Amino acid sequence: MTQIPPASEPFGSASESAAESHPLVERYLEHVRVEKRLAQRTVELYALDLQKLQANARQAGVALTDVHNTHMRRWVAQMHGGGRSGRGIALILSGWRGFYTWLGRQGLVAANPVQDVRSPKVAKPLPKALSVDEAVQLASYQSGTDGNDSFLEARDQCITELLYGCGLRIGELVGLDARASGQARGWIDSEAAEAHVLGKGSKRRSVPVGRQALQALEVWLVARSHWARESMPGGDALFINQRGTGSRRSISACV
């Protein structure tokens, strides 16, 4: 059986090469391989992550069981500054956290130094906007000529014109009612060529509505009048489904 080194033993000695693993690391890898029955590839990834941990601890001159939360935060900052992605850092921290959880169960550390250490937030890529030609092509699309297709075509063209021409958010779009009222979250004033919407932070704003959008709205209102069931829940919504009710979720799904 492998002898467990004392808590005061350094994480690596001067004569220990970077490729060598500390006995506790070897024991942990054997634990996840045999007892947890993790896949070989997963064990190999754990080993690579723990090699990074050994190198960091060796450079800091701290023992295996003497690594603290402040060390972890410093190493995360160094990885981030070196260009490693937030997702990559999160995966490494997960491996380190599991290792120190196991050490705690062995009674070798009083606290997990990775506790409450988080990787930098992963940047969310900005959505790709449609080009002018793509937007025009989308707005000009025509489908079949039967009743259902005409209904959907008029509705979807109006949606496209308002989203692209007025710069409305999807939440603002689906919140529009067919007419202004005290309960309406938003509406379109055709005479003033303005859309009144409820935006982020429950703040109202008005945006101009262009000629193309107004024309599409006029066509849609005619088609809508044949399907609307305003006595039903959501029936006062500007954009309704083919059942004549304004399911904001179903309208959002088609955007």
Protein backbone atom coordinates (compact mmCIF):
# COMPACT_ATOMS: atom_id res chain seq x y z
CA MET A 1 0.00 0.00 0.00
CA THR A 2 1.24 3.47 -0.86
CA GLN A 3 2.35 5.42 2.19
CA ILE A 4 0.55 8.72 2.69
CA PRO A 5 3.11 11.50 3.08
CA PRO A 6 2.86 13.75 6.11
CA ALA A 7 0.91 16.97 5.75
CA SER A 8 4.09 19.02 5.94
CA GLU A 9 5.68 17.35 2.92
CA PRO A 10 5.96 19.78 -0.01
CA PHE A 11 3.80 19.31 -3.03
CA GLY A 12 6.93 18.57 -4.99
CA SER A 13 10.60 18.53 -4.17
CA ALA A 14 13.41 20.14 -6.12
CA SER A 15 14.47 16.76 -7.47
CA GLU A 16 10.95 15.79 -8.56
CA SER A 17 10.36 16.23 -12.29
CA ALA A 18 7.25 17.92 -13.64
CA ALA A 19 6.03 14.60 -15.07
CA GLU A 20 6.07 12.82 -11.67
CA SER A 21 2.92 12.70 -9.60
CA HIS A 22 2.64 13.14 -5.87
CA PRO A 23 1.62 9.92 -4.04
CA LEU A 24 -1.68 11.48 -3.00
CA VAL A 25 -2.43 12.38 -6.60
CA GLU A 26 -1.72 8.78 -7.60
CA ARG A 27 -4.02 7.50 -4.87
CA TYR A 28 -6.80 9.84 -5.96
CA LEU A 29 -6.47 8.81 -9.62
CA GLU A 30 -6.62 5.17 -8.54
CA HIS A 31 -9.75 6.01 -6.54
CA VAL A 32 -11.60 7.56 -9.47
CA ARG A 33 -10.40 4.78 -11.78
CA VAL A 34 -11.31 1.80 -9.58
CA GLU A 35 -13.95 2.93 -7.11
CA LYS A 36 -15.78 5.55 -9.16
CA ARG A 37 -15.14 3.63 -12.40
CA LEU A 38 -14.65 6.71 -14.50
CA ALA A 39 -13.73 6.33 -18.14
CA GLN A 40 -10.03 6.13 -18.96
CA ARG A 41 -10.16 9.37 -20.95
CA THR A 42 -11.73 11.16 -17.97
CA VAL A 43 -9.02 9.85 -15.67
CA GLU A 44 -6.38 11.08 -18.11
CA LEU A 45 -7.94 14.54 -18.12
CA TYR A 46 -8.00 14.55 -14.31
CA ALA A 47 -4.32 13.62 -14.33
CA LEU A 48 -3.45 16.52 -16.62
CA ASP A 49 -5.39 18.97 -14.45
CA LEU A 50 -3.69 17.70 -11.32
CA GLN A 51 -0.30 18.07 -13.00
CA LYS A 52 -1.14 21.76 -13.43
CA LEU A 53 -2.07 21.91 -9.75
CA GLN A 54 1.23 20.26 -8.78
CA ALA A 55 3.22 22.71 -10.89
CA ASN A 56 1.43 25.70 -9.35
CA ALA A 57 1.92 24.43 -5.81
CA ARG A 58 5.57 23.58 -6.47
CA GLN A 59 6.20 27.08 -7.78
CA ALA A 60 4.47 28.59 -4.74
CA GLY A 61 6.46 26.34 -2.40
CA VAL A 62 3.39 25.06 -0.54
CA ALA A 63 2.62 21.58 0.70
CA LEU A 64 -0.14 19.47 -0.75
CA THR A 65 -2.41 20.03 2.23
CA ASP A 66 -1.39 23.65 2.71
CA VAL A 67 -2.94 25.07 -0.45
CA HIS A 68 -5.38 27.84 0.48
CA ASN A 69 -8.26 29.63 -1.13
CA THR A 70 -6.02 32.61 -1.88
CA HIS A 71 -3.68 30.36 -3.87
CA MET A 72 -6.59 29.09 -5.94
CA ARG A 73 -7.84 32.58 -6.72
CA ARG A 74 -4.33 33.66 -7.76
CA TRP A 75 -3.96 30.65 -10.06
CA VAL A 76 -7.36 31.30 -11.63
CA ALA A 77 -6.31 34.89 -12.32
CA GLN A 78 -3.05 33.66 -13.86
CA MET A 79 -4.87 31.19 -16.12
CA HIS A 80 -7.33 33.85 -17.18
CA GLY A 81 -4.54 36.35 -17.83
CA GLY A 82 -2.76 33.71 -19.88
CA GLY A 83 -5.70 33.48 -22.25
CA ARG A 84 -7.42 30.32 -21.02
CA SER A 85 -11.16 30.41 -21.57
CA GLY A 86 -13.67 30.62 -18.73
CA ARG A 87 -15.03 27.20 -19.68
CA GLY A 88 -11.55 25.68 -19.63
CA ILE A 89 -10.85 27.16 -16.20
CA ALA A 90 -14.19 25.87 -14.92
CA LEU A 91 -13.31 22.33 -16.00
CA ILE A 92 -9.90 22.52 -14.30
CA LEU A 93 -11.46 23.83 -11.09
CA SER A 94 -13.96 20.99 -11.15
CA GLY A 95 -11.10 18.47 -11.18
CA TRP A 96 -9.27 20.27 -8.41
CA ARG A 97 -12.43 20.57 -6.34
CA GLY A 98 -13.04 16.83 -6.56
CA PHE A 99 -9.46 16.10 -5.53
CA TYR A 100 -9.68 18.27 -2.42
CA THR A 101 -13.10 16.88 -1.56
CA TRP A 102 -11.49 13.43 -1.53
CA LEU A 103 -8.60 14.73 0.63
CA GLY A 104 -11.14 16.09 3.09
CA ARG A 105 -12.79 12.66 3.36
CA GLN A 106 -9.37 11.22 4.15
CA GLY A 107 -9.02 13.74 6.97
CA LEU A 108 -6.01 15.39 5.32
CA VAL A 109 -7.43 18.89 4.85
CA ALA A 110 -9.77 20.85 7.07
CA ALA A 111 -11.42 22.78 4.23
CA ASN A 112 -11.63 22.61 0.47
CA PRO A 113 -9.51 25.48 -0.95
CA VAL A 114 -11.50 25.44 -4.18
CA GLN A 115 -14.72 26.16 -2.32
CA ASP A 116 -16.40 29.35 -3.58
CA VAL A 117 -13.75 29.80 -6.29
CA ARG A 118 -15.42 30.44 -9.63
CA SER A 119 -14.08 30.74 -13.12
CA PRO A 120 -14.48 34.01 -15.05
CA LYS A 121 -17.83 34.35 -16.78
CA VAL A 122 -17.97 33.01 -20.29
CA ALA A 123 -18.54 35.85 -22.73
CA LYS A 124 -21.75 35.47 -24.70
CA PRO A 125 -21.30 36.05 -28.41
CA LEU A 126 -23.39 38.83 -29.88
CA PRO A 127 -26.18 37.64 -32.18
CA LYS A 128 -25.48 37.99 -35.86
CA ALA A 129 -27.73 40.60 -37.41
CA LEU A 130 -29.35 40.09 -40.79
CA SER A 131 -27.86 42.02 -43.66
CA VAL A 132 -30.07 44.49 -45.53
CA ASP A 133 -30.44 42.08 -48.45
CA GLU A 134 -31.36 39.18 -46.15
CA ALA A 135 -33.94 41.29 -44.32
CA VAL A 136 -35.51 42.43 -47.60
CA GLN A 137 -35.60 38.85 -48.85
CA LEU A 138 -37.25 37.69 -45.63
CA ALA A 139 -39.85 40.46 -45.71
CA SER A 140 -40.62 39.73 -49.37
CA TYR A 141 -41.10 35.99 -48.89
CA GLN A 142 -44.44 34.64 -50.08
CA SER A 143 -45.82 31.18 -49.44
CA GLY A 144 -48.96 29.50 -50.77
CA THR A 145 -52.31 31.10 -51.39
CA ASP A 146 -54.78 29.12 -49.23
CA GLY A 147 -56.41 30.63 -46.15
CA ASN A 148 -53.96 29.38 -43.58
CA ASP A 149 -50.93 30.37 -45.64
CA SER A 150 -52.36 33.85 -46.29
CA PHE A 151 -53.02 34.32 -42.56
CA LEU A 152 -49.51 33.26 -41.59
CA GLU A 153 -47.91 35.19 -44.43
CA ALA A 154 -49.63 38.44 -43.45
CA ARG A 155 -48.79 37.95 -39.78
CA ASP A 156 -45.17 36.95 -40.29
CA GLN A 157 -44.51 39.76 -42.76
CA CYS A 158 -45.90 42.28 -40.27
CA ILE A 159 -43.73 40.76 -37.52
CA THR A 160 -40.66 41.00 -39.73
CA GLU A 161 -41.31 44.61 -40.70
CA LEU A 162 -41.82 45.69 -37.09
CA LEU A 163 -38.78 43.83 -35.77
CA TYR A 164 -36.43 45.03 -38.48
CA GLY A 165 -37.93 48.40 -39.39
CA CYS A 166 -38.69 49.61 -35.86
CA GLY A 167 -35.96 47.85 -33.91
CA LEU A 168 -38.41 46.26 -31.47
CA ARG A 169 -37.30 43.60 -29.05
CA ILE A 170 -39.14 40.28 -29.26
CA GLY A 171 -40.64 40.85 -25.80
CA GLU A 172 -41.92 44.24 -26.89
CA LEU A 173 -43.34 42.80 -30.10
CA VAL A 174 -45.34 40.01 -28.49
CA GLY A 175 -46.58 42.46 -25.87
CA LEU A 176 -48.41 44.60 -28.43
CA ASP A 177 -52.20 44.71 -28.32
CA ALA A 178 -54.42 45.38 -31.30
CA ARG A 179 -55.64 48.68 -29.82
CA ALA A 180 -54.68 51.11 -27.10
CA SER A 181 -56.23 50.62 -23.66
CA GLY A 182 -55.44 51.11 -20.01
CA GLN A 183 -54.45 47.46 -19.73
CA ALA A 184 -52.37 47.28 -22.91
CA ARG A 185 -48.64 46.71 -22.53
CA GLY A 186 -48.10 48.23 -25.95
CA TRP A 187 -49.88 49.26 -29.13
CA ILE A 188 -49.32 50.91 -32.49
CA ASP A 189 -50.72 54.33 -33.29
CA SER A 190 -51.08 54.12 -37.08
CA GLU A 191 -52.07 57.79 -37.48
CA ALA A 192 -49.02 59.01 -35.58
CA ALA A 193 -46.86 56.25 -37.11
CA GLU A 194 -45.55 55.31 -33.66
CA ALA A 195 -45.29 52.13 -31.64
CA HIS A 196 -45.75 52.49 -27.88
CA VAL A 197 -44.03 49.60 -26.12
CA LEU A 198 -43.11 48.45 -22.63
CA GLY A 199 -39.38 47.80 -22.65
CA LYS A 200 -36.73 46.69 -20.18
CA GLY A 201 -37.25 47.79 -16.60
CA SER A 202 -40.97 48.34 -17.32
CA LYS A 203 -40.09 51.60 -19.05
CA ARG A 204 -42.36 52.83 -21.81
CA ARG A 205 -40.87 54.11 -25.02
CA SER A 206 -42.14 55.23 -28.40
CA VAL A 207 -40.48 54.35 -31.69
CA PRO A 208 -41.36 55.50 -35.21
CA VAL A 209 -43.06 53.04 -37.53
CA GLY A 210 -42.04 53.21 -41.19
CA ARG A 211 -44.27 53.15 -44.24
CA GLN A 212 -43.52 49.52 -45.11
CA ALA A 213 -44.36 48.40 -41.58
CA LEU A 214 -47.61 50.38 -41.59
CA GLN A 215 -48.62 48.78 -44.89
CA ALA A 216 -47.85 45.32 -43.53
CA LEU A 217 -49.81 46.15 -40.38
CA GLU A 218 -52.84 47.22 -42.43
CA VAL A 219 -52.81 43.92 -44.36
CA TRP A 220 -52.38 41.96 -41.15
CA LEU A 221 -55.25 43.69 -39.34
CA VAL A 222 -57.61 42.70 -42.18
CA ALA A 223 -56.47 39.07 -41.98
CA ARG A 224 -56.58 39.17 -38.18
CA SER A 225 -60.21 40.35 -38.13
CA HIS A 226 -61.35 37.03 -39.65
CA TRP A 227 -59.61 34.94 -36.99
CA ALA A 228 -59.62 36.98 -33.78
CA ARG A 229 -61.63 35.75 -30.81
CA GLU A 230 -61.27 38.67 -28.45
CA SER A 231 -63.51 37.08 -25.82
CA MET A 232 -60.86 34.41 -25.34
CA PRO A 233 -57.76 34.87 -23.15
CA GLY A 234 -55.17 36.81 -25.11
CA GLY A 235 -57.64 37.58 -27.89
CA ASP A 236 -56.82 41.28 -27.71
CA ALA A 237 -53.16 40.68 -28.65
CA LEU A 238 -52.03 42.18 -31.93
CA PHE A 239 -50.44 38.94 -33.06
CA ILE A 240 -52.65 35.87 -32.67
CA ASN A 241 -52.37 32.25 -33.67
CA GLN A 242 -54.67 30.32 -35.96
CA ARG A 243 -56.99 29.52 -33.07
CA GLY A 244 -57.74 33.21 -32.78
CA THR A 245 -56.04 33.72 -29.43
CA GLY A 246 -52.85 35.51 -28.53
CA SER A 247 -50.49 32.90 -27.14
CA ARG A 248 -47.43 35.05 -26.60
CA ARG A 249 -45.30 31.91 -26.19
CA SER A 250 -46.37 30.48 -29.53
CA ILE A 251 -45.80 33.81 -31.28
CA SER A 252 -42.33 34.09 -29.70
CA ALA A 253 -41.50 30.62 -30.98
CA CYS A 254 -42.16 31.63 -34.58
CA VAL A 255 -39.92 34.71 -34.41
